[in-house]
N, C-alpha and C. Protein backbone atom coordinates (compact mmCIF):
# COMPACT_ATOMS: atom_id res chain seq x y z
N MET A 1 33.09 6.63 -26.91
CA MET A 1 32.29 7.17 -25.78
C MET A 1 32.26 6.05 -24.71
N ALA A 2 32.46 6.49 -23.41
CA ALA A 2 32.36 5.52 -22.32
C ALA A 2 30.92 5.05 -22.05
N ASP A 3 30.87 3.83 -21.64
CA ASP A 3 29.58 3.24 -21.31
C ASP A 3 29.22 3.76 -19.97
N LEU A 4 28.05 4.33 -19.90
CA LEU A 4 27.49 4.83 -18.65
C LEU A 4 26.57 3.80 -18.08
N LYS A 5 26.67 3.62 -16.78
CA LYS A 5 25.85 2.66 -16.01
C LYS A 5 25.00 3.26 -15.07
N MET A 6 23.69 3.00 -15.08
CA MET A 6 22.78 3.53 -14.08
C MET A 6 23.05 2.97 -12.79
N PRO A 7 23.16 3.69 -11.69
CA PRO A 7 23.37 3.08 -10.35
C PRO A 7 22.24 2.22 -9.98
N GLU A 8 22.62 1.10 -9.27
CA GLU A 8 21.58 0.15 -8.83
C GLU A 8 21.20 0.54 -7.42
N ILE A 9 20.05 1.15 -7.27
CA ILE A 9 19.47 1.49 -6.08
C ILE A 9 18.18 0.86 -5.76
N ASN A 10 18.03 0.26 -4.64
CA ASN A 10 16.80 -0.55 -4.32
C ASN A 10 16.63 -0.30 -2.80
N SER A 11 15.80 0.84 -2.47
CA SER A 11 15.72 1.18 -1.08
C SER A 11 14.25 1.64 -0.86
N VAL A 12 13.59 1.15 0.17
CA VAL A 12 12.31 1.51 0.47
C VAL A 12 12.19 1.85 2.03
N VAL A 13 11.48 2.90 2.24
CA VAL A 13 11.11 3.24 3.62
C VAL A 13 9.60 3.47 3.64
N ILE A 14 8.83 2.82 4.55
CA ILE A 14 7.38 2.92 4.58
C ILE A 14 7.00 2.68 6.14
N ALA A 15 5.96 3.38 6.41
CA ALA A 15 5.35 3.37 7.77
C ALA A 15 3.92 2.83 7.57
N GLY A 16 3.44 2.05 8.41
CA GLY A 16 2.01 1.65 8.41
C GLY A 16 1.69 0.69 9.61
N ASN A 17 0.47 0.15 9.55
CA ASN A 17 -0.01 -0.69 10.59
C ASN A 17 -0.22 -2.13 10.07
N LEU A 18 0.09 -3.14 10.91
CA LEU A 18 -0.04 -4.52 10.62
C LEU A 18 -1.52 -4.88 10.32
N THR A 19 -1.78 -5.55 9.23
CA THR A 19 -3.15 -5.96 8.98
C THR A 19 -3.61 -7.21 9.67
N LYS A 20 -2.56 -8.08 10.04
CA LYS A 20 -2.84 -9.30 10.73
C LYS A 20 -1.66 -9.57 11.68
N ASP A 21 -1.69 -10.56 12.48
CA ASP A 21 -0.51 -11.02 13.30
C ASP A 21 0.45 -11.49 12.36
N PRO A 22 1.79 -11.32 12.65
CA PRO A 22 2.93 -11.87 11.87
C PRO A 22 2.84 -13.39 11.79
N VAL A 23 3.37 -13.93 10.67
CA VAL A 23 3.38 -15.35 10.48
C VAL A 23 4.86 -15.76 10.67
N PHE A 24 5.14 -16.47 11.65
CA PHE A 24 6.58 -16.85 11.93
C PHE A 24 6.72 -18.36 11.67
N ARG A 25 7.93 -18.61 10.90
CA ARG A 25 8.22 -20.05 10.68
C ARG A 25 9.71 -20.08 10.54
N GLN A 26 10.26 -21.37 10.33
CA GLN A 26 11.72 -21.55 10.16
C GLN A 26 11.86 -22.34 8.86
N THR A 27 12.91 -22.06 8.13
CA THR A 27 13.30 -22.70 6.84
C THR A 27 13.61 -24.16 7.08
N ASN A 28 13.32 -24.96 6.01
CA ASN A 28 13.48 -26.45 6.12
C ASN A 28 14.99 -26.74 6.19
N SER A 29 15.74 -25.98 5.54
CA SER A 29 17.29 -26.21 5.47
C SER A 29 17.92 -25.25 6.48
N GLY A 30 18.19 -25.83 7.62
CA GLY A 30 18.99 -24.96 8.55
C GLY A 30 18.10 -24.29 9.62
N GLY A 31 16.80 -24.28 9.49
CA GLY A 31 15.95 -23.66 10.58
C GLY A 31 16.09 -22.13 10.77
N THR A 32 16.36 -21.48 9.74
CA THR A 32 16.52 -19.98 9.80
C THR A 32 15.18 -19.32 10.08
N PRO A 33 15.16 -18.54 11.16
CA PRO A 33 13.80 -17.89 11.46
C PRO A 33 13.36 -16.89 10.31
N VAL A 34 12.18 -16.87 9.95
CA VAL A 34 11.65 -15.98 9.03
C VAL A 34 10.18 -15.59 9.35
N VAL A 35 9.87 -14.30 9.19
CA VAL A 35 8.55 -13.84 9.54
C VAL A 35 7.96 -13.03 8.28
N ASN A 36 6.74 -13.12 8.11
CA ASN A 36 6.01 -12.40 7.05
C ASN A 36 4.81 -11.69 7.69
N PHE A 37 4.66 -10.48 7.25
CA PHE A 37 3.52 -9.75 7.64
C PHE A 37 3.15 -8.64 6.63
N SER A 38 2.02 -8.12 6.70
CA SER A 38 1.48 -7.17 5.71
C SER A 38 1.13 -5.86 6.49
N ILE A 39 1.52 -4.76 5.91
CA ILE A 39 1.10 -3.46 6.58
C ILE A 39 0.21 -2.59 5.57
N ALA A 40 -0.66 -1.84 6.19
CA ALA A 40 -1.48 -0.93 5.46
C ALA A 40 -0.91 0.45 5.62
N CYS A 41 -0.74 1.19 4.51
CA CYS A 41 -0.21 2.51 4.54
C CYS A 41 -1.28 3.45 3.95
N ASN A 42 -1.79 4.45 4.49
CA ASN A 42 -2.71 5.30 4.05
C ASN A 42 -2.09 6.53 3.25
N ARG A 43 -2.79 6.91 2.20
CA ARG A 43 -2.37 8.09 1.44
C ARG A 43 -3.57 9.02 1.32
N ARG A 44 -3.42 10.20 1.56
CA ARG A 44 -4.51 11.25 1.49
C ARG A 44 -4.28 12.14 0.22
N PHE A 45 -5.31 12.35 -0.50
CA PHE A 45 -5.08 13.25 -1.70
C PHE A 45 -6.47 13.94 -1.96
N ARG A 46 -6.36 15.04 -2.80
CA ARG A 46 -7.53 15.77 -3.17
C ARG A 46 -7.96 15.25 -4.61
N ASP A 47 -9.26 14.97 -4.69
CA ASP A 47 -9.76 14.49 -5.99
C ASP A 47 -9.99 15.72 -6.85
N SER A 48 -10.60 15.46 -8.05
CA SER A 48 -10.83 16.53 -9.04
C SER A 48 -11.85 17.64 -8.56
N ASN A 49 -12.66 17.20 -7.51
CA ASN A 49 -13.58 18.16 -6.93
C ASN A 49 -13.02 18.80 -5.66
N HIS A 50 -11.76 18.62 -5.47
CA HIS A 50 -10.99 19.23 -4.37
C HIS A 50 -11.51 18.71 -3.03
N GLN A 51 -12.07 17.49 -2.98
CA GLN A 51 -12.50 16.87 -1.74
C GLN A 51 -11.38 15.92 -1.33
N TRP A 52 -11.16 15.83 0.03
CA TRP A 52 -10.05 14.89 0.50
C TRP A 52 -10.56 13.37 0.32
N GLN A 53 -9.65 12.63 -0.25
CA GLN A 53 -9.94 11.14 -0.36
C GLN A 53 -8.83 10.46 0.33
N GLU A 54 -9.00 9.17 0.68
CA GLU A 54 -8.00 8.40 1.31
C GLU A 54 -7.89 7.07 0.52
N ASP A 55 -6.67 6.67 0.24
CA ASP A 55 -6.39 5.43 -0.44
C ASP A 55 -5.48 4.54 0.39
N VAL A 56 -5.68 3.26 0.45
CA VAL A 56 -4.87 2.40 1.32
C VAL A 56 -4.00 1.49 0.41
N CYS A 57 -2.74 1.36 0.67
CA CYS A 57 -1.70 0.53 -0.01
C CYS A 57 -1.34 -0.59 0.88
N TYR A 58 -1.51 -1.80 0.57
CA TYR A 58 -1.18 -3.00 1.32
C TYR A 58 0.10 -3.48 0.82
N VAL A 59 1.12 -3.65 1.72
CA VAL A 59 2.49 -4.09 1.36
C VAL A 59 2.91 -5.25 2.25
N GLY A 60 3.43 -6.30 1.59
CA GLY A 60 3.99 -7.41 2.33
C GLY A 60 5.49 -7.15 2.69
N VAL A 61 5.82 -7.71 3.90
CA VAL A 61 7.17 -7.54 4.39
C VAL A 61 7.67 -8.85 4.90
N VAL A 62 8.98 -9.07 4.64
CA VAL A 62 9.66 -10.33 5.13
C VAL A 62 10.86 -9.94 5.93
N ALA A 63 11.08 -10.60 7.03
CA ALA A 63 12.27 -10.28 7.89
C ALA A 63 12.87 -11.67 8.24
N TRP A 64 14.23 -11.68 8.43
CA TRP A 64 14.88 -12.94 8.58
C TRP A 64 15.62 -12.92 9.94
N ASN A 65 16.00 -14.12 10.49
CA ASN A 65 16.87 -14.24 11.71
C ASN A 65 16.38 -13.58 12.93
N LYS A 66 17.23 -12.84 13.57
CA LYS A 66 16.88 -12.14 14.86
C LYS A 66 15.95 -11.03 14.65
N LEU A 67 15.87 -10.50 13.50
CA LEU A 67 14.86 -9.44 13.10
C LEU A 67 13.53 -10.16 13.13
N ALA A 68 13.49 -11.32 12.52
CA ALA A 68 12.24 -12.04 12.55
C ALA A 68 11.73 -12.41 13.94
N GLU A 69 12.73 -12.84 14.78
CA GLU A 69 12.29 -13.21 16.10
C GLU A 69 11.83 -11.89 16.92
N SER A 70 12.48 -10.85 16.74
CA SER A 70 11.98 -9.60 17.33
C SER A 70 10.60 -9.31 16.88
N CYS A 71 10.29 -9.47 15.56
CA CYS A 71 8.96 -9.11 15.12
C CYS A 71 7.96 -10.09 15.77
N ARG A 72 8.29 -11.34 15.81
CA ARG A 72 7.39 -12.31 16.39
C ARG A 72 7.03 -11.98 17.86
N ASP A 73 8.07 -11.51 18.60
CA ASP A 73 7.93 -11.20 19.99
C ASP A 73 7.25 -9.81 20.37
N ASN A 74 7.31 -8.93 19.28
CA ASN A 74 6.90 -7.63 19.69
C ASN A 74 5.71 -7.09 18.84
N LEU A 75 5.41 -7.72 17.75
CA LEU A 75 4.30 -7.24 16.85
C LEU A 75 3.07 -8.06 16.87
N LYS A 76 2.05 -7.35 16.67
CA LYS A 76 0.68 -8.05 16.60
C LYS A 76 -0.10 -7.22 15.66
N LYS A 77 -1.37 -7.64 15.30
CA LYS A 77 -2.23 -6.89 14.45
C LYS A 77 -2.47 -5.51 14.99
N SER A 78 -2.43 -4.54 13.99
CA SER A 78 -2.67 -3.13 14.19
C SER A 78 -1.44 -2.41 14.77
N ALA A 79 -0.25 -3.11 15.04
CA ALA A 79 0.91 -2.42 15.52
C ALA A 79 1.46 -1.55 14.39
N ALA A 80 2.00 -0.41 14.86
CA ALA A 80 2.55 0.62 13.88
C ALA A 80 3.98 0.39 13.79
N VAL A 81 4.49 0.30 12.54
CA VAL A 81 5.94 0.07 12.31
C VAL A 81 6.42 1.01 11.17
N LEU A 82 7.66 1.15 11.24
CA LEU A 82 8.45 1.86 10.09
C LEU A 82 9.48 0.88 9.64
N VAL A 83 9.32 0.53 8.28
CA VAL A 83 10.21 -0.57 7.70
C VAL A 83 11.13 0.12 6.78
N ASP A 84 12.44 -0.25 6.93
CA ASP A 84 13.47 0.18 6.01
C ASP A 84 14.07 -1.09 5.36
N GLY A 85 13.90 -1.20 4.07
CA GLY A 85 14.38 -2.38 3.30
C GLY A 85 14.58 -2.18 1.86
N GLU A 86 14.40 -3.33 1.09
CA GLU A 86 14.50 -3.33 -0.24
C GLU A 86 13.41 -4.14 -0.91
N LEU A 87 13.09 -3.80 -2.15
CA LEU A 87 11.96 -4.62 -2.88
C LEU A 87 12.66 -5.84 -3.32
N GLN A 88 11.90 -6.97 -3.30
CA GLN A 88 12.30 -8.28 -3.84
C GLN A 88 11.08 -8.88 -4.39
N SER A 89 11.32 -9.69 -5.46
CA SER A 89 10.16 -10.45 -6.00
C SER A 89 10.44 -11.91 -5.91
N ARG A 90 9.46 -12.71 -5.74
CA ARG A 90 9.65 -14.22 -5.71
C ARG A 90 8.54 -14.80 -6.47
N THR A 91 8.75 -15.97 -7.06
CA THR A 91 7.82 -16.71 -7.88
C THR A 91 7.69 -18.14 -7.34
N TRP A 92 6.45 -18.71 -7.24
CA TRP A 92 6.40 -20.12 -6.79
C TRP A 92 5.12 -20.72 -7.65
N LYS A 93 5.10 -21.98 -7.61
CA LYS A 93 3.92 -22.71 -8.23
C LYS A 93 2.86 -22.92 -7.15
N ALA A 94 1.71 -22.53 -7.64
CA ALA A 94 0.54 -22.66 -6.69
C ALA A 94 0.07 -24.21 -6.92
N GLN A 95 -0.85 -24.58 -6.06
CA GLN A 95 -1.37 -25.93 -6.01
C GLN A 95 -2.07 -26.34 -7.37
N ASP A 96 -2.59 -25.30 -8.07
CA ASP A 96 -3.30 -25.61 -9.28
C ASP A 96 -2.25 -25.68 -10.44
N GLY A 97 -0.95 -25.52 -10.21
CA GLY A 97 0.00 -25.53 -11.24
C GLY A 97 0.44 -24.24 -11.89
N SER A 98 -0.37 -23.20 -11.56
CA SER A 98 -0.04 -21.88 -12.07
C SER A 98 1.11 -21.21 -11.36
N SER A 99 1.85 -20.33 -12.05
CA SER A 99 2.90 -19.62 -11.41
C SER A 99 2.30 -18.32 -10.79
N ARG A 100 2.88 -18.03 -9.53
CA ARG A 100 2.49 -16.87 -8.84
C ARG A 100 3.73 -16.08 -8.48
N THR A 101 3.58 -14.71 -8.58
CA THR A 101 4.69 -13.84 -8.25
C THR A 101 4.22 -12.77 -7.32
N VAL A 102 5.05 -12.48 -6.32
CA VAL A 102 4.69 -11.41 -5.33
C VAL A 102 5.95 -10.48 -5.26
N VAL A 103 5.62 -9.17 -5.08
CA VAL A 103 6.75 -8.24 -4.75
C VAL A 103 6.50 -7.77 -3.32
N GLU A 104 7.60 -7.80 -2.49
CA GLU A 104 7.48 -7.53 -1.08
C GLU A 104 8.67 -6.81 -0.66
N ILE A 105 8.71 -6.34 0.55
CA ILE A 105 9.88 -5.62 1.14
C ILE A 105 10.70 -6.60 1.95
N LYS A 106 11.94 -6.78 1.67
CA LYS A 106 12.89 -7.43 2.57
C LYS A 106 13.41 -6.51 3.53
N ALA A 107 13.02 -6.59 4.81
CA ALA A 107 13.33 -5.66 5.79
C ALA A 107 14.86 -5.68 6.18
N ARG A 108 15.46 -4.54 6.29
CA ARG A 108 16.77 -4.35 6.83
C ARG A 108 16.69 -3.84 8.24
N ARG A 109 15.74 -2.96 8.50
CA ARG A 109 15.51 -2.46 9.83
C ARG A 109 14.02 -2.21 9.98
N ILE A 110 13.61 -2.45 11.22
CA ILE A 110 12.13 -2.21 11.60
C ILE A 110 12.11 -1.47 12.90
N GLN A 111 11.33 -0.42 12.80
CA GLN A 111 11.22 0.41 14.09
C GLN A 111 9.82 0.20 14.57
N PHE A 112 9.69 -0.33 15.81
CA PHE A 112 8.37 -0.49 16.38
C PHE A 112 7.85 0.84 16.99
N LEU A 113 6.77 1.29 16.55
CA LEU A 113 6.27 2.66 16.86
C LEU A 113 5.39 2.68 18.02
N ASN A 114 4.84 1.59 18.39
CA ASN A 114 3.93 1.55 19.63
C ASN A 114 4.67 1.39 20.98
N LYS A 115 4.02 1.90 21.98
CA LYS A 115 4.53 1.68 23.38
C LYS A 115 3.74 0.50 23.90
N ARG A 116 4.47 -0.34 24.67
CA ARG A 116 3.78 -1.42 25.32
C ARG A 116 3.82 -1.34 26.84
N LYS A 117 2.83 -1.89 27.53
CA LYS A 117 2.86 -1.78 29.01
C LYS A 117 3.38 -3.14 29.54
N LYS A 118 4.24 -3.04 30.60
CA LYS A 118 4.59 -4.20 31.34
C LYS A 118 3.58 -4.29 32.48
N SER A 119 3.31 -5.30 32.96
CA SER A 119 2.27 -5.61 33.99
C SER A 119 2.62 -4.76 35.25
N GLY A 120 1.80 -3.75 35.64
CA GLY A 120 1.98 -2.94 36.80
C GLY A 120 2.98 -1.85 36.65
N GLU A 121 3.49 -1.64 35.46
CA GLU A 121 4.51 -0.61 35.26
C GLU A 121 4.07 0.42 34.21
N GLU A 122 4.83 1.47 34.08
CA GLU A 122 4.59 2.51 33.06
C GLU A 122 4.89 1.95 31.66
N ASP A 123 4.40 2.74 30.61
CA ASP A 123 4.69 2.32 29.24
C ASP A 123 6.26 2.09 29.07
N GLU A 124 6.58 1.05 28.42
CA GLU A 124 7.93 0.87 27.95
C GLU A 124 8.08 1.29 26.40
N ASP A 125 9.04 2.12 26.19
CA ASP A 125 9.17 2.68 24.87
C ASP A 125 9.85 1.69 23.89
N THR A 126 9.09 1.21 22.96
CA THR A 126 9.69 0.13 21.95
C THR A 126 10.01 0.78 20.71
N SER A 127 10.13 2.16 20.74
CA SER A 127 10.38 2.82 19.49
C SER A 127 11.83 3.03 19.16
N GLY A 128 12.45 1.97 18.89
CA GLY A 128 13.90 1.86 18.48
C GLY A 128 13.94 1.06 17.28
N PHE A 129 15.09 1.18 16.52
CA PHE A 129 15.30 0.35 15.26
C PHE A 129 15.85 -0.97 15.62
N ILE A 130 15.33 -1.99 15.15
CA ILE A 130 15.88 -3.36 15.16
C ILE A 130 16.59 -3.50 13.73
N GLU A 131 17.83 -3.71 13.72
CA GLU A 131 18.51 -3.75 12.38
C GLU A 131 19.06 -5.13 12.01
N ASP A 132 18.95 -5.46 10.83
CA ASP A 132 19.49 -6.65 10.25
C ASP A 132 20.78 -6.35 9.69
N ASP A 133 21.95 -6.96 10.23
CA ASP A 133 23.31 -6.58 9.74
C ASP A 133 23.84 -7.38 8.59
N TYR A 134 23.07 -8.17 8.00
CA TYR A 134 23.53 -8.84 6.83
C TYR A 134 22.37 -9.10 5.92
N SER A 135 22.67 -9.50 4.65
CA SER A 135 21.66 -9.68 3.69
C SER A 135 21.48 -11.12 3.47
N HIS A 136 20.16 -11.56 3.66
CA HIS A 136 19.74 -12.99 3.32
C HIS A 136 18.99 -12.91 2.04
N ASP A 137 19.42 -13.64 1.10
CA ASP A 137 18.91 -13.53 -0.30
C ASP A 137 17.55 -14.21 -0.42
N GLY A 138 17.10 -15.02 0.61
CA GLY A 138 15.86 -15.67 0.55
C GLY A 138 15.70 -16.74 -0.47
N SER A 139 16.78 -17.17 -1.03
CA SER A 139 16.85 -18.32 -1.98
C SER A 139 17.00 -19.64 -1.26
N SER A 140 17.46 -20.59 -1.94
CA SER A 140 17.55 -21.92 -1.34
C SER A 140 18.49 -21.90 -0.15
N GLY A 141 18.01 -22.42 0.91
CA GLY A 141 18.81 -22.66 2.08
C GLY A 141 19.29 -21.39 2.82
N ASP A 142 20.19 -21.65 3.70
CA ASP A 142 20.67 -20.51 4.54
C ASP A 142 21.89 -19.90 3.85
N SER A 143 21.90 -18.67 3.73
CA SER A 143 23.15 -18.05 3.11
C SER A 143 23.56 -16.86 3.89
N TYR A 144 24.82 -16.49 3.83
CA TYR A 144 25.33 -15.31 4.53
C TYR A 144 26.02 -14.49 3.49
N ASN A 145 25.80 -13.25 3.48
CA ASN A 145 26.41 -12.36 2.50
C ASN A 145 27.07 -11.15 3.11
N GLY A 146 28.02 -11.28 3.98
CA GLY A 146 28.64 -10.27 4.74
C GLY A 146 30.08 -10.45 5.02
N ASP A 147 30.62 -9.54 5.83
CA ASP A 147 32.01 -9.61 6.03
C ASP A 147 32.47 -10.22 7.35
N ASN A 148 31.41 -10.69 8.11
CA ASN A 148 31.77 -11.23 9.42
C ASN A 148 31.10 -12.67 9.66
N PRO A 149 31.64 -13.78 8.98
CA PRO A 149 31.18 -14.98 8.93
C PRO A 149 31.21 -15.61 10.33
N GLY A 150 32.02 -15.25 11.30
CA GLY A 150 32.12 -15.74 12.60
C GLY A 150 31.00 -15.45 13.41
N ASN A 151 30.28 -14.31 13.15
CA ASN A 151 29.19 -13.87 13.94
C ASN A 151 28.06 -13.33 13.10
N ILE A 152 27.41 -14.29 12.43
CA ILE A 152 26.36 -13.91 11.48
C ILE A 152 25.09 -13.37 12.06
N TYR A 153 24.98 -13.55 13.38
CA TYR A 153 23.72 -13.06 14.03
C TYR A 153 24.03 -11.84 14.88
N GLU A 154 24.83 -10.90 14.34
CA GLU A 154 25.18 -9.70 14.97
C GLU A 154 24.04 -8.66 14.65
N TYR A 155 23.22 -8.26 15.70
CA TYR A 155 22.24 -7.29 15.41
C TYR A 155 22.31 -6.18 16.50
N LYS A 156 21.79 -5.02 16.16
CA LYS A 156 21.87 -3.82 16.95
C LYS A 156 20.46 -3.40 17.30
N TYR A 157 20.34 -2.90 18.51
CA TYR A 157 19.18 -2.13 18.93
C TYR A 157 19.59 -0.74 19.00
N LEU A 158 19.11 0.05 18.13
CA LEU A 158 19.53 1.51 18.05
C LEU A 158 18.41 2.24 18.68
N SER A 159 18.70 2.90 19.78
CA SER A 159 17.68 3.73 20.46
C SER A 159 17.39 5.00 19.69
N SER A 160 16.21 5.44 19.89
CA SER A 160 15.79 6.81 19.06
C SER A 160 16.22 7.98 19.90
N GLU A 161 16.88 7.76 21.08
CA GLU A 161 17.25 8.82 21.95
C GLU A 161 18.51 9.54 21.36
């Protein structure tokens, strides 16, 4: 009998609002831009008494390179976003010596859902996808995992029109 293998699927799409301003930094090895932020996503449901209740799920998001720079420049606390990415976990040693683990979303695309005003002008629609065209594994140093090593910072702004 042939060995059957379960397909490896790791895909997340979630919409929510930033709980704080994004935290932008650059890696020690190579200075790769990275941003972390957390979003709150509300879920409405009926309880056993058929009353509407609301639950909030807080999710961490990490974005790399040009996507990180776009987040730094366009996002702030309470901004609405739609994040398309994959789940990843990472472990580190805390100051007290204990191991800590977090599961977060590594963003592939982020759609900014708010409109912003330019001074003295009408609202500018920022509701387009910013897309990360390669996969950064988030491990040691800067890595590229794609087919176009000559232009690793190729990003697209996909309009919602």
